[in-house]
C-alpha atoms as a PDB file:
ATOM      1  CA  MET A   1     117.826  97.557  70.098  1.00  0.00           C
ATOM      2  CA  ASN A   2     121.117  96.060  69.025  1.00  0.00           C
ATOM      3  CA  PRO A   3     123.858  97.046  71.495  1.00  0.00           C
ATOM      4  CA  SER A   4     126.430  97.058  68.706  1.00  0.00           C
ATOM      5  CA  GLU A   5     124.540  99.856  66.958  1.00  0.00           C
ATOM      6  CA  ILE A   6     124.605 102.326  69.854  1.00  0.00           C
ATOM      7  CA  ARG A   7     126.997 102.977  72.701  1.00  0.00           C
ATOM      8  CA  ALA A   8     125.523 101.736  75.985  1.00  0.00           C
ATOM      9  CA  ALA A   9     126.470 104.961  77.760  1.00  0.00           C
ATOM     10  CA  SER A  10     124.289 106.959  75.384  1.00  0.00           C
ATOM     11  CA  VAL A  11     121.143 104.795  75.271  1.00  0.00           C
ATOM     12  CA  ASN A  12     119.425 106.648  78.111  1.00  0.00           C
ATOM     13  CA  GLN A  13     120.618 110.018  76.813  1.00  0.00           C
ATOM     14  CA  LEU A  14     118.978 109.246  73.473  1.00  0.00           C
ATOM     15  CA  CYS A  15     115.700 108.339  75.219  1.00  0.00           C
ATOM     16  CA  TYR A  16     115.820 111.472  77.399  1.00  0.00           C
ATOM     17  CA  LYS A  17     115.791 113.696  74.306  1.00  0.00           C
ATOM     18  CA  CYS A  18     112.036 113.014  74.115  1.00  0.00           C
ATOM     19  CA  HIS A  19     111.367 111.697  77.628  1.00  0.00           C
ATOM     20  CA  ALA A  20     113.081 114.344  79.782  1.00  0.00           C
ATOM     21  CA  ASP A  21     110.586 113.745  82.623  1.00  0.00           C
ATOM     22  CA  LYS A  22     112.172 110.315  83.177  1.00  0.00           C
ATOM     23  CA  ARG A  23     115.661 111.771  83.719  1.00  0.00           C
ATOM     24  CA  GLY A  24     116.810 111.874  87.348  1.00  0.00           C
ATOM     25  CA  PRO A  25     118.324 112.338  89.684  1.00  0.00           C
ATOM     26  CA  PHE A  26     115.540 111.187  91.950  1.00  0.00           C
ATOM     27  CA  MET A  27     115.717 110.462  95.656  1.00  0.00           C
ATOM     28  CA  TRP A  28     114.349 106.962  94.966  1.00  0.00           C
ATOM     29  CA  GLU A  29     115.696 105.468  91.738  1.00  0.00           C
ATOM     30  CA  HIS A  30     114.770 102.199  90.082  1.00  0.00           C
ATOM     31  CA  ALA A  31     118.078 100.515  89.197  1.00  0.00           C
ATOM     32  CA  PRO A  32     117.022  99.186  85.755  1.00  0.00           C
ATOM     33  CA  VAL A  33     116.040 102.723  84.721  1.00  0.00           C
ATOM     34  CA  GLU A  34     119.427 104.114  85.726  1.00  0.00           C
ATOM     35  CA  GLU A  35     121.191 101.288  83.904  1.00  0.00           C
ATOM     36  CA  ASN A  36     119.454 101.230  80.517  1.00  0.00           C
ATOM     37  CA  CYS A  37     115.925 102.077  79.332  1.00  0.00           C
ATOM     38  CA  GLY A  38     116.153  98.984  77.109  1.00  0.00           C
ATOM     39  CA  ASN A  39     115.979  96.773  80.208  1.00  0.00           C
ATOM     40  CA  CYS A  40     112.214  97.302  80.196  1.00  0.00           C
ATOM     41  CA  HIS A  41     111.343  99.020  76.902  1.00  0.00           C
ATOM     42  CA  ALA A  42     111.643  97.944  73.260  1.00  0.00           C
ATOM     43  CA  PRO A  43     112.200 101.222  71.369  1.00  0.00           C
ATOM     44  CA  HIS A  44     111.363  99.809  67.945  1.00  0.00           C
ATOM     45  CA  GLY A  45     107.936  98.486  68.854  1.00  0.00           C
ATOM     46  CA  SER A  46     106.131  96.065  71.112  1.00  0.00           C
ATOM     47  CA  VAL A  47     102.722  94.459  71.464  1.00  0.00           C
ATOM     48  CA  HIS A  48     102.715  95.533  75.129  1.00  0.00           C
ATOM     49  CA  LEU A  49     101.710  98.911  76.588  1.00  0.00           C
ATOM     50  CA  LYS A  50     104.350 101.672  76.728  1.00  0.00           C
ATOM     51  CA  LEU A  51     106.661  99.612  74.490  1.00  0.00           C
ATOM     52  CA  ASN A  52     107.370  97.280  77.422  1.00  0.00           C
ATOM     53  CA  ILE A  53     109.383  94.191  76.569  1.00  0.00           C
ATOM     54  CA  GLU A  54     106.844  92.012  78.384  1.00  0.00           C
ATOM     55  CA  SER A  55     103.457  92.384  80.058  1.00  0.00           C
ATOM     56  CA  ILE A  56     103.181  93.471  83.674  1.00  0.00           C
ATOM     57  CA  PRO A  57     103.510  91.708  86.148  1.00  0.00           C
ATOM     58  CA  ASN A  58     105.685  89.274  84.156  1.00  0.00           C
ATOM     59  CA  MET A  59     108.249  91.954  83.374  1.00  0.00           C
ATOM     60  CA  CYS A  60     108.443  93.068  87.017  1.00  0.00           C
ATOM     61  CA  GLN A  61     108.688  89.490  88.258  1.00  0.00           C
ATOM     62  CA  GLY A  62     111.752  88.974  86.077  1.00  0.00           C
ATOM     63  CA  CYS A  63     113.674  90.761  88.856  1.00  0.00           C
ATOM     64  CA  HIS A  64     111.248  91.051  91.782  1.00  0.00           C
ATOM     65  CA  ASP A  65     110.125  88.103  93.895  1.00  0.00           C
ATOM     66  CA  ALA A  66     106.672  86.985  92.757  1.00  0.00           C
ATOM     67  CA  ALA A  67     106.123  85.094  96.029  1.00  0.00           C
ATOM     68  CA  ARG A  68     105.550  88.380  97.872  1.00  0.00           C
ATOM     69  CA  HIS A  69     102.994  89.620  95.325  1.00  0.00           C
ATOM     70  CA  PRO A  70     101.151  86.546  94.043  1.00  0.00           C
ATOM     71  CA  GLY A  71      98.105  86.879  91.806  1.00  0.00           C
ATOM     72  CA  THR A  72      95.895  85.589  94.607  1.00  0.00           C
ATOM     73  CA  ARG A  73      93.442  87.199  97.000  1.00  0.00           C
ATOM     74  CA  TYR A  74      94.910  88.982  99.981  1.00  0.00           C
ATOM     75  CA  SER A  75      93.844  91.546 102.532  1.00  0.00           C
ATOM     76  CA  ALA A  76      94.839  95.100 101.641  1.00  0.00           C
ATOM     77  CA  GLU A  77      95.431  95.867 105.329  1.00  0.00           C
ATOM     78  CA  THR A  78      97.857  93.076 106.172  1.00  0.00           C
ATOM     79  CA  LEU A  79     100.789  91.074 104.781  1.00  0.00           C
ATOM     80  CA  PHE A  80     104.425  91.979 104.248  1.00  0.00           C
ATOM     81  CA  ARG A  81     105.824  90.024 107.188  1.00  0.00           C
ATOM     82  CA  GLY A  82     102.806  90.707 109.355  1.00  0.00           C
ATOM     83  CA  THR A  83     103.309  94.473 109.187  1.00  0.00           C
ATOM     84  CA  LYS A  84     100.103  96.465 109.082  1.00  0.00           C
ATOM     85  CA  ILE A  85      99.953  98.597 105.951  1.00  0.00           C
ATOM     86  CA  THR A  86      97.779 101.660 106.303  1.00  0.00           C
ATOM     87  CA  GLY A  87      96.592 104.230 103.830  1.00  0.00           C
ATOM     88  CA  LEU A  88      95.591 101.831 101.080  1.00  0.00           C
ATOM     89  CA  ALA A  89      92.309 102.479  99.351  1.00  0.00           C
ATOM     90  CA  ALA A  90      90.078  99.566 100.256  1.00  0.00           C
ATOM     91  CA  SER A  91      87.943  97.879  97.658  1.00  0.00           C
ATOM     92  CA  PRO A  92      84.329  97.089  98.637  1.00  0.00           C
ATOM     93  CA  SER A  93      85.451  93.704  99.946  1.00  0.00           C
ATOM     94  CA  ASP A  94      88.865  94.955 101.190  1.00  0.00           C
ATOM     95  CA  ARG A  95      90.377  92.312  98.942  1.00  0.00           C
ATOM     96  CA  SER A  96      92.349  92.495  95.736  1.00  0.00           C
ATOM     97  CA  PHE A  97      92.847  89.951  93.002  1.00  0.00           C
ATOM     98  CA  ALA A  98      95.585  89.943  90.358  1.00  0.00           C
ATOM     99  CA  ARG A  99      96.267  93.656  90.667  1.00  0.00           C
ATOM    100  CA  SER A 100      98.856  95.220  88.429  1.00  0.00           C
ATOM    101  CA  CYS A 101     102.156  96.156  90.053  1.00  0.00           C
ATOM    102  CA  LEU A 102     101.517  99.667  88.744  1.00  0.00           C
ATOM    103  CA  ASN A 103      98.348 100.044  90.826  1.00  0.00           C
ATOM    104  CA  CYS A 104     100.580 100.709  93.825  1.00  0.00           C
ATOM    105  CA  HIS A 105     104.036 101.236  92.316  1.00  0.00           C
ATOM    106  CA  SER A 106     103.227 103.955  89.790  1.00  0.00           C
ATOM    107  CA  ASN A 107     106.492 105.927  89.941  1.00  0.00           C
ATOM    108  CA  ILE A 108     108.701 103.146  88.628  1.00  0.00           C
ATOM    109  CA  HIS A 109     111.040 105.499  86.776  1.00  0.00           C
ATOM    110  CA  GLY A 110     111.896 107.382  89.971  1.00  0.00           C
ATOM    111  CA  SER A 111     110.429 109.597  92.637  1.00  0.00           C
ATOM    112  CA  ASN A 112     111.416 112.144  95.231  1.00  0.00           C
ATOM    113  CA  ALA A 113     109.037 110.590  97.781  1.00  0.00           C
ATOM    114  CA  PRO A 114     108.853 107.003  99.038  1.00  0.00           C
ATOM    115  CA  ALA A 115     105.981 104.984  97.567  1.00  0.00           C
ATOM    116  CA  ASN A 116     104.548 104.357 101.022  1.00  0.00           C
ATOM    117  CA  PRO A 117     106.117 106.502 103.771  1.00  0.00           C
ATOM    118  CA  ALA A 118     104.226 104.571 106.464  1.00  0.00           C
ATOM    119  CA  ASN A 119     105.915 101.336 105.404  1.00  0.00           C
ATOM    120  CA  GLN A 120     109.551 101.644 106.502  1.00  0.00           C
ATOM    121  CA  LEU A 121     110.136  97.961 105.704  1.00  0.00           C
ATOM    122  CA  ASN A 122     109.789  98.232 101.933  1.00  0.00           C
ATOM    123  CA  SER A 123     112.522 100.155 100.181  1.00  0.00           C
ATOM    124  CA  GLY A 124     111.771  98.205  97.004  1.00  0.00           C
ATOM    125  CA  LYS A 125     115.162  96.513  97.100  1.00  0.00           C
ATOM    126  CA  PHE A 126     113.783  94.123  99.735  1.00  0.00           C
ATOM    127  CA  PHE A 127     111.781  92.345  97.042  1.00  0.00           C
ATOM    128  CA  VAL A 128     114.535  91.929  94.445  1.00  0.00           C
ATOM    129  CA  ARG A 129     115.494  88.315  93.819  1.00  0.00           C
END
């Protein structure tokens, strides 16, 4: 989308004409969504799912710190500064490998409930570079 062809203030309003479910306000808002849908989506076509500008996790790691969510094996019950994370569905080996960000963070457009109420440490902003 060429910014000179559409007023920035109306980009999201144009998207919301068809995608009203993405319109807030939400209790927990993802800043890029509030700012401009074009931060993550290419409205005129993309080779990636959901018209994303890049594949996930690459798109997410453009803003979020990849060091906290590397594509390596880790225990689903531990990590995040030694805090015990409960309530995660365990795989047969209780290990994950190269999971998509969306496996856990599925409400990226906004939500009225925290992604993990048991984890008071992670507001999402903690991981922004």
